[in-house]
Protein backbone atom coordinates (compact mmCIF):
# COMPACT_ATOMS: atom_id res chain seq x y z
CA MET A 1 0.10 0.07 -0.03
CA PRO A 2 1.41 3.12 -1.13
CA THR A 3 2.51 5.86 1.70
CA SER A 4 -0.34 8.37 0.63
CA THR A 5 -3.28 5.62 0.64
CA ARG A 6 -1.96 5.28 3.62
CA THR A 7 -2.31 8.39 5.32
CA LEU A 8 -5.40 9.01 3.56
CA LEU A 9 -7.07 6.07 5.37
CA ILE A 10 -5.08 7.21 8.87
CA ALA A 11 -6.92 10.91 7.88
CA ALA A 12 -10.02 9.11 6.58
CA VAL A 13 -11.28 7.04 9.17
CA PRO A 14 -11.81 9.59 11.81
CA LEU A 15 -13.86 11.87 10.04
CA LEU A 16 -15.87 8.77 8.80
CA ALA A 17 -16.24 7.57 12.74
CA LEU A 18 -17.34 11.48 13.42
CA GLY A 19 -19.46 11.73 10.99
CA ALA A 20 -21.42 8.74 11.99
CA CYS A 21 -21.42 9.88 15.76
CA SER A 22 -22.88 13.13 14.50
CA SER A 23 -25.68 11.43 12.86
CA SER A 24 -26.85 9.20 15.51
CA LEU A 25 -26.58 12.61 18.23
CA SER A 26 -30.23 13.77 19.41
CA SER A 27 -31.46 17.32 19.30
CA GLU A 28 -30.10 18.14 22.50
CA ASP A 29 -26.81 16.98 22.21
CA ARG A 30 -26.80 18.74 18.68
CA ALA A 31 -28.10 21.84 20.56
CA THR A 32 -25.49 21.33 22.65
CA LEU A 33 -22.43 20.70 20.60
CA GLU A 34 -23.50 24.11 18.44
CA GLN A 35 -23.50 26.34 21.76
CA THR A 36 -19.89 25.08 22.47
CA ARG A 37 -18.20 25.92 19.03
CA ALA A 38 -20.33 29.57 19.43
CA ALA A 39 -18.63 29.83 22.49
CA ALA A 40 -15.39 28.60 21.41
CA GLN A 41 -15.73 31.49 18.63
CA ASP A 42 -16.63 33.95 21.14
CA ALA A 43 -13.52 33.11 23.33
CA LYS A 44 -11.48 32.79 19.86
CA ALA A 45 -12.88 36.43 19.06
CA SER A 46 -11.98 37.86 22.76
CA ALA A 47 -8.53 36.75 22.61
CA ALA A 48 -7.62 37.95 19.28
CA ALA A 49 -8.99 41.72 20.94
CA ALA A 50 -7.08 41.47 24.11
CA GLU A 51 -3.93 40.61 21.81
CA ARG A 52 -4.67 43.48 19.66
CA ASN A 53 -5.65 45.86 22.99
CA SER A 54 -2.38 44.46 24.54
CA ALA A 55 -0.57 44.95 21.79
CA ALA A 56 -1.66 48.84 21.53
CA SER A 57 -0.63 49.46 25.59
CA ALA A 58 2.76 47.89 24.86
CA ALA A 59 3.34 50.65 22.08
CA ALA A 60 1.72 53.52 24.06
CA ALA A 61 3.94 52.45 27.30
CA GLN A 62 6.86 52.42 24.61
CA ARG A 63 6.23 55.81 24.06
CA SER A 64 5.20 56.82 27.31
CA ALA A 65 9.28 55.91 28.29
CA GLU A 66 10.62 57.19 25.18
CA GLU A 67 9.09 60.81 26.29
CA ALA A 68 10.14 59.96 29.97
CA ARG A 69 13.79 59.65 28.66
CA ALA A 70 13.40 62.37 26.53
CA ALA A 71 12.46 64.81 29.58
CA ALA A 72 15.24 63.60 31.91
CA ASP A 73 17.28 64.55 28.78
CA ARG A 74 15.74 67.84 29.01
CA ALA A 75 16.11 68.10 32.55
CA ASP A 76 19.40 67.31 32.53
CA ARG A 77 20.79 69.63 30.18
CA MET A 78 19.12 71.90 31.93
CA PHE A 79 20.89 71.75 35.43
CA GLN A 80 24.26 70.98 33.43
CA ARG A 81 23.42 74.47 31.86
CA THR A 82 22.23 76.35 35.08
CA GLN A 83 25.82 74.76 36.97
CA ARG A 84 27.81 75.98 34.09
CA LYS A 85 26.23 79.45 34.54
CA GLY A 86 26.80 79.19 38.62
CA ALA A 87 30.28 78.09 38.60
CA GLY A 88 31.28 81.02 35.83
CA SER A 89 29.85 83.82 38.40
């Protein structure tokens, strides 16, 4: 038996079994499976939104850190300038 045929059979058997099981499910079981699928989709969407929010927060934190460093550098330059002016008097 060629490898590709064997691989196809290995993949097809669980799918056929799942198809057989789903045809024998009760309407309540189908409804429960649909609710579970919908909940999983909602969770996936929520996770994607959380990831986007996290990335936006990280970018904002990076900008804030850069602004803080720039402000500290300006304050240091002002202090050094004041020190030089005081030493020259």
